[in-house]
């Protein structure tokens, strides 16, 4: 039985410095404390190097906080949650698209191999990717690193 995020993600006095950073560098995050409520949209904004990607990497548990800080799902320290269960609760959309070589449909099915035609259409509509339907081959348009269609992160 996996976990189910119901209420919030909490950062409690999280301090983090990358292990490869020189000793004289300050931590990327220092005593960061905030809450992200479930069912809401949260924007993480700031200049380059301010810790935006680090926050996501800590939530996904690619790294753990230092100096006693905690990242929690509903008051449970994520270090106490099975890593597979934790990551199954996280959806992340990068600014830069990552497309596998193939069709748009192939890319959609990569996320859910059992998705129906309707599921794929709904996913594209929710992502405001209606432009796909205007393509000559629709969801069967070829994309990817060497694809015909280039996708922008914007």
N, C-alpha and C. Protein backbone atom coordinates (compact mmCIF):
# COMPACT_ATOMS: atom_id res chain seq x y z
N UNK A 1 0.85 -1.18 0.00
CA UNK A 1 0.00 0.00 0.00
C UNK A 1 0.89 1.24 0.00
N UNK A 2 0.73 2.09 -0.97
CA UNK A 2 1.54 3.31 -1.08
C UNK A 2 0.95 4.44 -0.27
N UNK A 3 1.64 5.55 -0.31
CA UNK A 3 1.18 6.74 0.38
C UNK A 3 0.22 7.51 -0.51
N UNK A 4 -0.55 8.38 0.07
CA UNK A 4 -1.44 9.26 -0.68
C UNK A 4 -1.34 10.64 -0.05
N UNK A 5 -0.76 11.59 -0.80
CA UNK A 5 -0.65 12.95 -0.30
C UNK A 5 -2.05 13.54 -0.21
N UNK A 6 -2.43 13.99 0.99
CA UNK A 6 -3.77 14.52 1.18
C UNK A 6 -3.79 16.00 1.49
N UNK A 7 -2.80 16.49 2.22
CA UNK A 7 -2.88 17.85 2.71
C UNK A 7 -1.76 18.78 2.26
N UNK A 8 -0.50 18.35 2.47
CA UNK A 8 0.56 19.32 2.19
C UNK A 8 1.95 18.71 2.18
N UNK A 9 2.85 19.46 1.55
CA UNK A 9 4.28 19.20 1.63
C UNK A 9 4.84 20.31 2.50
N UNK A 10 5.66 19.95 3.46
CA UNK A 10 6.21 20.94 4.38
C UNK A 10 7.73 20.91 4.33
N UNK A 11 8.32 22.08 4.27
CA UNK A 11 9.76 22.24 4.46
C UNK A 11 9.91 22.83 5.85
N UNK A 12 10.67 22.16 6.71
CA UNK A 12 10.84 22.61 8.09
C UNK A 12 12.32 22.85 8.34
N UNK A 13 12.72 24.11 8.36
CA UNK A 13 14.10 24.50 8.63
C UNK A 13 15.12 23.75 7.76
N UNK A 14 14.82 23.67 6.48
CA UNK A 14 15.67 22.92 5.56
C UNK A 14 16.88 23.74 5.15
N UNK A 15 18.05 23.16 5.37
CA UNK A 15 19.31 23.73 4.91
C UNK A 15 19.91 22.71 3.97
N UNK A 16 20.42 23.19 2.84
CA UNK A 16 21.02 22.28 1.88
C UNK A 16 22.14 22.96 1.10
N UNK A 17 23.24 22.23 0.99
CA UNK A 17 24.39 22.64 0.19
C UNK A 17 24.80 21.41 -0.61
N UNK A 18 25.01 21.57 -1.91
CA UNK A 18 25.40 20.43 -2.74
C UNK A 18 26.72 19.85 -2.26
N UNK A 19 26.82 18.52 -2.21
CA UNK A 19 28.03 17.87 -1.71
C UNK A 19 29.29 18.26 -2.49
N UNK A 20 29.14 18.62 -3.75
CA UNK A 20 30.30 18.96 -4.58
C UNK A 20 30.67 20.45 -4.51
N UNK A 21 29.87 21.24 -3.77
CA UNK A 21 30.16 22.68 -3.68
C UNK A 21 31.40 22.92 -2.82
N UNK A 22 32.23 23.89 -3.20
CA UNK A 22 33.40 24.22 -2.37
C UNK A 22 32.98 24.61 -0.96
N UNK A 23 33.84 24.35 -0.02
CA UNK A 23 33.57 24.61 1.40
C UNK A 23 33.14 26.06 1.64
N UNK A 24 33.76 27.00 0.92
CA UNK A 24 33.47 28.42 1.16
C UNK A 24 32.11 28.86 0.61
N UNK A 25 31.43 28.04 -0.19
CA UNK A 25 30.12 28.40 -0.73
C UNK A 25 29.04 28.29 0.33
N UNK A 26 28.14 29.24 0.31
CA UNK A 26 26.98 29.21 1.21
C UNK A 26 26.02 28.11 0.77
N UNK A 27 25.18 27.64 1.69
CA UNK A 27 24.14 26.68 1.29
C UNK A 27 23.18 27.32 0.28
N UNK A 28 22.61 26.49 -0.59
CA UNK A 28 21.62 26.96 -1.56
C UNK A 28 20.34 27.34 -0.82
N UNK A 29 19.97 26.54 0.16
CA UNK A 29 18.83 26.84 1.03
C UNK A 29 19.32 26.88 2.46
N UNK A 30 18.81 27.82 3.24
CA UNK A 30 19.22 27.94 4.63
C UNK A 30 18.01 28.19 5.50
N UNK A 31 17.67 27.20 6.34
CA UNK A 31 16.52 27.27 7.24
C UNK A 31 15.23 27.60 6.50
N UNK A 32 15.03 27.00 5.32
CA UNK A 32 13.81 27.23 4.53
C UNK A 32 12.63 26.55 5.20
N UNK A 33 11.60 27.32 5.45
CA UNK A 33 10.39 26.81 6.08
C UNK A 33 9.19 27.33 5.30
N UNK A 34 8.41 26.42 4.71
CA UNK A 34 7.20 26.81 3.99
C UNK A 34 6.34 25.57 3.78
N UNK A 35 5.09 25.79 3.37
CA UNK A 35 4.13 24.71 3.16
C UNK A 35 3.53 24.86 1.76
N UNK A 36 3.41 23.73 1.08
CA UNK A 36 2.72 23.68 -0.21
C UNK A 36 1.46 22.85 0.01
N UNK A 37 0.31 23.48 -0.11
CA UNK A 37 -0.96 22.81 0.14
C UNK A 37 -1.36 21.94 -1.05
N UNK A 38 -1.87 20.75 -0.78
CA UNK A 38 -2.37 19.86 -1.84
C UNK A 38 -3.54 20.53 -2.54
N UNK A 39 -3.65 20.29 -3.84
CA UNK A 39 -4.77 20.82 -4.62
C UNK A 39 -4.62 22.27 -5.00
N UNK A 40 -3.46 22.85 -4.74
CA UNK A 40 -3.22 24.24 -5.11
C UNK A 40 -2.09 24.29 -6.14
N UNK A 41 -1.98 25.43 -6.78
CA UNK A 41 -0.88 25.66 -7.70
C UNK A 41 0.15 26.51 -6.99
N UNK A 42 1.38 26.07 -7.01
CA UNK A 42 2.46 26.79 -6.33
C UNK A 42 3.53 27.14 -7.34
N UNK A 43 3.92 28.40 -7.39
CA UNK A 43 5.01 28.84 -8.25
C UNK A 43 6.25 29.05 -7.40
N UNK A 44 7.35 28.51 -7.87
CA UNK A 44 8.63 28.71 -7.20
C UNK A 44 9.43 29.61 -8.12
N UNK A 45 9.64 30.85 -7.70
CA UNK A 45 10.31 31.83 -8.55
C UNK A 45 11.53 32.40 -7.85
N UNK A 46 12.49 32.84 -8.66
CA UNK A 46 13.70 33.44 -8.12
C UNK A 46 14.78 33.43 -9.17
N UNK A 47 15.83 34.16 -8.91
CA UNK A 47 16.94 34.21 -9.88
C UNK A 47 17.68 32.89 -9.96
N UNK A 48 18.48 32.76 -10.99
CA UNK A 48 19.30 31.57 -11.17
C UNK A 48 20.16 31.35 -9.93
N UNK A 49 20.17 30.10 -9.46
CA UNK A 49 20.99 29.76 -8.29
C UNK A 49 20.31 30.00 -6.96
N UNK A 50 19.01 30.37 -6.97
CA UNK A 50 18.34 30.67 -5.71
C UNK A 50 17.73 29.46 -5.03
N UNK A 51 17.77 28.27 -5.68
CA UNK A 51 17.31 27.06 -5.02
C UNK A 51 16.02 26.47 -5.57
N UNK A 52 15.51 26.99 -6.67
CA UNK A 52 14.24 26.49 -7.22
C UNK A 52 14.34 25.00 -7.57
N UNK A 53 15.33 24.63 -8.35
CA UNK A 53 15.51 23.22 -8.74
C UNK A 53 15.87 22.38 -7.53
N UNK A 54 16.60 22.94 -6.60
CA UNK A 54 16.99 22.21 -5.38
C UNK A 54 15.75 21.83 -4.58
N UNK A 55 14.77 22.71 -4.50
CA UNK A 55 13.52 22.40 -3.79
C UNK A 55 12.87 21.17 -4.40
N UNK A 56 12.78 21.14 -5.73
CA UNK A 56 12.18 19.99 -6.41
C UNK A 56 13.00 18.73 -6.16
N UNK A 57 14.32 18.84 -6.22
CA UNK A 57 15.18 17.67 -6.00
C UNK A 57 15.06 17.14 -4.57
N UNK A 58 14.83 18.03 -3.62
CA UNK A 58 14.63 17.60 -2.23
C UNK A 58 13.27 16.91 -2.08
N UNK A 59 12.23 17.45 -2.74
CA UNK A 59 10.91 16.82 -2.68
C UNK A 59 10.96 15.43 -3.30
N UNK A 60 11.69 15.28 -4.40
CA UNK A 60 11.80 13.98 -5.07
C UNK A 60 12.80 13.06 -4.38
N UNK A 61 13.48 13.58 -3.39
CA UNK A 61 14.46 12.87 -2.58
C UNK A 61 15.69 12.42 -3.36
N UNK A 62 16.10 13.26 -4.30
CA UNK A 62 17.39 13.04 -4.94
C UNK A 62 18.49 13.41 -3.95
N UNK A 63 18.14 14.28 -3.01
CA UNK A 63 19.04 14.70 -1.92
C UNK A 63 18.22 14.79 -0.64
N UNK A 64 18.89 14.76 0.50
CA UNK A 64 18.24 14.95 1.79
C UNK A 64 18.72 16.25 2.41
N UNK A 65 17.87 16.90 3.22
CA UNK A 65 18.27 18.13 3.91
C UNK A 65 19.45 17.87 4.84
N UNK A 66 20.14 18.96 5.17
CA UNK A 66 21.25 18.89 6.11
C UNK A 66 20.82 19.56 7.42
N UNK A 67 21.61 19.44 8.45
CA UNK A 67 21.46 20.19 9.70
C UNK A 67 20.10 20.03 10.35
N UNK A 68 19.52 18.82 10.26
CA UNK A 68 18.29 18.55 10.99
C UNK A 68 17.00 19.02 10.34
N UNK A 69 17.06 19.64 9.18
CA UNK A 69 15.83 20.05 8.52
C UNK A 69 15.05 18.86 8.01
N UNK A 70 13.76 19.08 7.72
CA UNK A 70 12.90 18.00 7.25
C UNK A 70 12.05 18.46 6.07
N UNK A 71 11.83 17.53 5.13
CA UNK A 71 10.81 17.69 4.11
C UNK A 71 9.78 16.62 4.45
N UNK A 72 8.52 17.04 4.61
CA UNK A 72 7.47 16.12 5.05
C UNK A 72 6.28 16.11 4.09
N UNK A 73 5.66 14.94 3.96
CA UNK A 73 4.36 14.80 3.33
C UNK A 73 3.39 14.60 4.49
N UNK A 74 2.47 15.53 4.68
CA UNK A 74 1.48 15.39 5.75
C UNK A 74 2.11 15.03 7.09
N UNK A 75 3.15 15.77 7.48
CA UNK A 75 3.86 15.60 8.75
C UNK A 75 4.67 14.30 8.86
N UNK A 76 4.82 13.55 7.76
CA UNK A 76 5.67 12.35 7.76
C UNK A 76 6.94 12.70 7.01
N UNK A 77 8.08 12.56 7.68
CA UNK A 77 9.37 12.84 7.05
C UNK A 77 9.52 11.95 5.82
N UNK A 78 9.86 12.54 4.67
CA UNK A 78 9.94 11.74 3.45
C UNK A 78 11.03 10.67 3.52
N UNK A 79 11.96 10.82 4.44
CA UNK A 79 12.98 9.78 4.63
C UNK A 79 12.37 8.51 5.21
N UNK A 80 11.15 8.62 5.78
CA UNK A 80 10.46 7.47 6.35
C UNK A 80 9.47 6.85 5.37
N UNK A 81 9.43 7.35 4.14
CA UNK A 81 8.51 6.86 3.12
C UNK A 81 9.32 6.08 2.09
N UNK A 82 8.82 4.92 1.69
CA UNK A 82 9.47 4.13 0.65
C UNK A 82 9.67 5.02 -0.59
N UNK A 83 10.88 5.00 -1.14
CA UNK A 83 11.24 5.88 -2.25
C UNK A 83 10.32 5.69 -3.45
N UNK A 84 9.99 4.45 -3.80
CA UNK A 84 9.09 4.17 -4.93
C UNK A 84 7.71 4.77 -4.66
N UNK A 85 7.19 4.56 -3.46
CA UNK A 85 5.88 5.12 -3.10
C UNK A 85 5.90 6.65 -3.15
N UNK A 86 6.98 7.23 -2.66
CA UNK A 86 7.11 8.68 -2.66
C UNK A 86 7.05 9.23 -4.08
N UNK A 87 7.88 8.67 -4.94
CA UNK A 87 7.98 9.20 -6.31
C UNK A 87 6.72 8.95 -7.13
N UNK A 88 5.93 7.95 -6.77
CA UNK A 88 4.66 7.72 -7.46
C UNK A 88 3.65 8.81 -7.17
N UNK A 89 3.87 9.59 -6.11
CA UNK A 89 2.96 10.67 -5.73
C UNK A 89 3.33 12.01 -6.36
N UNK A 90 4.44 12.04 -7.10
CA UNK A 90 4.97 13.31 -7.60
C UNK A 90 4.83 13.39 -9.10
N UNK A 91 4.26 14.49 -9.56
CA UNK A 91 4.22 14.80 -10.99
C UNK A 91 5.04 16.06 -11.19
N UNK A 92 5.93 16.05 -12.15
CA UNK A 92 6.82 17.18 -12.36
C UNK A 92 6.88 17.47 -13.85
N UNK A 93 6.70 18.73 -14.20
CA UNK A 93 6.80 19.16 -15.59
C UNK A 93 7.96 20.13 -15.68
N UNK A 94 9.00 19.72 -16.37
CA UNK A 94 10.18 20.56 -16.54
C UNK A 94 9.91 21.69 -17.53
N UNK A 95 10.66 22.76 -17.41
CA UNK A 95 10.53 23.86 -18.36
C UNK A 95 10.96 23.41 -19.75
N UNK A 96 11.95 22.54 -19.80
CA UNK A 96 12.43 22.03 -21.09
C UNK A 96 11.74 20.70 -21.37
N UNK A 97 11.10 20.57 -22.51
CA UNK A 97 10.41 19.31 -22.80
C UNK A 97 11.39 18.18 -23.04
N UNK A 98 11.04 17.02 -22.55
CA UNK A 98 11.84 15.84 -22.81
C UNK A 98 10.95 14.92 -23.63
N UNK A 99 11.30 14.74 -24.88
CA UNK A 99 10.49 13.94 -25.79
C UNK A 99 11.29 12.72 -26.22
N UNK A 100 10.63 11.57 -26.19
CA UNK A 100 11.27 10.40 -26.75
C UNK A 100 11.08 10.43 -28.26
N UNK A 101 12.01 9.87 -28.99
CA UNK A 101 11.89 9.84 -30.44
C UNK A 101 10.71 8.93 -30.80
N UNK A 102 9.80 9.47 -31.55
CA UNK A 102 8.60 8.74 -31.94
C UNK A 102 7.49 9.73 -32.19
N UNK A 103 6.27 9.32 -31.98
CA UNK A 103 5.12 10.20 -32.20
C UNK A 103 4.68 10.84 -30.89
N UNK A 104 3.84 11.84 -31.02
CA UNK A 104 3.26 12.46 -29.82
C UNK A 104 2.50 11.39 -29.04
N UNK A 105 1.79 10.52 -29.75
CA UNK A 105 1.07 9.43 -29.09
C UNK A 105 2.04 8.53 -28.30
N UNK A 106 3.20 8.21 -28.90
CA UNK A 106 4.20 7.39 -28.20
C UNK A 106 4.61 8.06 -26.89
N UNK A 107 4.79 9.38 -26.94
CA UNK A 107 5.20 10.12 -25.75
C UNK A 107 4.11 10.09 -24.70
N UNK A 108 2.85 10.21 -25.11
CA UNK A 108 1.75 10.15 -24.16
C UNK A 108 1.64 8.75 -23.54
N UNK A 109 1.79 7.72 -24.37
CA UNK A 109 1.68 6.35 -23.87
C UNK A 109 2.87 5.96 -22.99
N UNK A 110 3.99 6.66 -23.13
CA UNK A 110 5.13 6.42 -22.26
C UNK A 110 4.74 6.69 -20.81
N UNK A 111 3.88 7.70 -20.60
CA UNK A 111 3.42 8.03 -19.25
C UNK A 111 2.34 7.08 -18.74
N UNK A 112 1.57 6.47 -19.65
CA UNK A 112 0.51 5.53 -19.27
C UNK A 112 0.27 4.61 -20.46
N UNK A 113 0.88 3.45 -20.45
CA UNK A 113 0.81 2.55 -21.60
C UNK A 113 -0.60 2.06 -21.90
N UNK A 114 -1.50 2.18 -20.93
CA UNK A 114 -2.87 1.72 -21.11
C UNK A 114 -3.85 2.85 -21.43
N UNK A 115 -3.33 4.05 -21.69
CA UNK A 115 -4.20 5.20 -21.96
C UNK A 115 -4.99 4.97 -23.25
N UNK A 116 -6.27 5.32 -23.20
CA UNK A 116 -7.13 5.21 -24.38
C UNK A 116 -6.95 6.44 -25.26
N UNK A 117 -7.53 6.40 -26.43
CA UNK A 117 -7.53 7.56 -27.34
C UNK A 117 -8.12 8.77 -26.61
N UNK A 118 -9.20 8.55 -25.91
CA UNK A 118 -9.86 9.64 -25.16
C UNK A 118 -8.94 10.19 -24.07
N UNK A 119 -8.25 9.29 -23.34
CA UNK A 119 -7.31 9.71 -22.30
C UNK A 119 -6.23 10.62 -22.89
N UNK A 120 -5.70 10.20 -24.05
CA UNK A 120 -4.64 10.99 -24.70
C UNK A 120 -5.16 12.36 -25.11
N UNK A 121 -6.35 12.40 -25.69
CA UNK A 121 -6.95 13.69 -26.11
C UNK A 121 -7.16 14.59 -24.89
N UNK A 122 -7.67 14.02 -23.80
CA UNK A 122 -7.91 14.81 -22.59
C UNK A 122 -6.60 15.33 -22.00
N UNK A 123 -5.56 14.51 -22.03
CA UNK A 123 -4.25 14.94 -21.51
C UNK A 123 -3.73 16.12 -22.32
N UNK A 124 -3.85 16.06 -23.63
CA UNK A 124 -3.40 17.17 -24.48
C UNK A 124 -4.22 18.43 -24.23
N UNK A 125 -5.51 18.27 -24.05
CA UNK A 125 -6.37 19.43 -23.78
C UNK A 125 -6.02 20.06 -22.43
N UNK A 126 -5.81 19.23 -21.41
CA UNK A 126 -5.45 19.75 -20.08
C UNK A 126 -4.11 20.47 -20.12
N UNK A 127 -3.22 20.02 -21.01
CA UNK A 127 -1.89 20.63 -21.13
C UNK A 127 -1.91 21.83 -22.08
N UNK A 128 -3.09 22.23 -22.53
CA UNK A 128 -3.23 23.33 -23.49
C UNK A 128 -2.39 23.07 -24.74
N UNK A 129 -2.35 21.81 -25.16
CA UNK A 129 -1.59 21.42 -26.34
C UNK A 129 -2.52 21.11 -27.51
N UNK A 130 -3.57 21.92 -27.64
CA UNK A 130 -4.55 21.72 -28.71
C UNK A 130 -3.93 21.85 -30.09
N UNK A 131 -2.77 22.49 -30.20
CA UNK A 131 -2.09 22.63 -31.48
C UNK A 131 -1.79 21.27 -32.11
N UNK A 132 -1.70 20.23 -31.27
CA UNK A 132 -1.42 18.89 -31.77
C UNK A 132 -2.51 18.45 -32.75
N UNK A 133 -3.76 18.80 -32.43
CA UNK A 133 -4.88 18.38 -33.26
C UNK A 133 -4.88 19.08 -34.62
N UNK A 134 -4.14 20.20 -34.72
CA UNK A 134 -4.06 20.94 -35.98
C UNK A 134 -2.97 20.39 -36.90
N UNK A 135 -2.11 19.51 -36.38
CA UNK A 135 -1.05 18.92 -37.19
C UNK A 135 -1.66 17.94 -38.18
N UNK A 136 -1.04 17.82 -39.33
CA UNK A 136 -1.56 16.92 -40.37
C UNK A 136 -1.78 15.50 -39.85
N UNK A 137 -0.86 15.02 -39.03
CA UNK A 137 -0.97 13.66 -38.49
C UNK A 137 -1.44 13.62 -37.04
N UNK A 138 -1.87 14.75 -36.50
CA UNK A 138 -2.38 14.80 -35.14
C UNK A 138 -1.43 14.18 -34.14
N UNK A 139 -1.95 13.26 -33.32
CA UNK A 139 -1.12 12.61 -32.31
C UNK A 139 -0.07 11.69 -32.92
N UNK A 140 -0.19 11.41 -34.19
CA UNK A 140 0.79 10.55 -34.86
C UNK A 140 1.90 11.36 -35.54
N UNK A 141 2.01 12.65 -35.18
CA UNK A 141 3.09 13.49 -35.66
C UNK A 141 4.39 13.07 -34.98
N UNK A 142 5.44 12.94 -35.77
CA UNK A 142 6.73 12.51 -35.27
C UNK A 142 7.43 13.65 -34.52
N UNK A 143 7.98 13.36 -33.34
CA UNK A 143 8.71 14.34 -32.53
C UNK A 143 9.93 13.66 -31.93
N UNK A 144 10.72 14.41 -31.22
CA UNK A 144 11.87 13.87 -30.51
C UNK A 144 13.10 14.68 -30.85
N UNK A 145 14.23 14.23 -30.39
CA UNK A 145 15.45 15.01 -30.56
C UNK A 145 15.79 15.25 -32.01
N UNK A 146 15.44 14.34 -32.88
CA UNK A 146 15.69 14.54 -34.31
C UNK A 146 14.37 14.60 -35.06
N UNK A 147 13.32 14.93 -34.35
CA UNK A 147 12.01 14.88 -34.94
C UNK A 147 11.71 16.01 -35.90
N UNK A 148 10.61 15.87 -36.60
CA UNK A 148 10.15 16.88 -37.54
C UNK A 148 9.67 18.09 -36.78
N UNK A 149 8.96 17.88 -35.67
CA UNK A 149 8.39 18.98 -34.89
C UNK A 149 9.31 19.27 -33.71
N UNK A 150 9.77 20.50 -33.60
CA UNK A 150 10.56 20.92 -32.44
C UNK A 150 9.62 21.52 -31.41
N UNK A 151 9.81 21.16 -30.15
CA UNK A 151 8.98 21.67 -29.07
C UNK A 151 9.79 22.68 -28.26
N UNK A 152 9.14 23.75 -27.85
CA UNK A 152 9.77 24.78 -27.04
C UNK A 152 9.40 24.61 -25.59
N UNK A 153 10.32 24.96 -24.70
CA UNK A 153 10.02 24.92 -23.27
C UNK A 153 9.05 26.00 -22.84
N UNK A 154 8.90 27.05 -23.63
CA UNK A 154 7.99 28.15 -23.28
C UNK A 154 6.60 27.79 -23.58
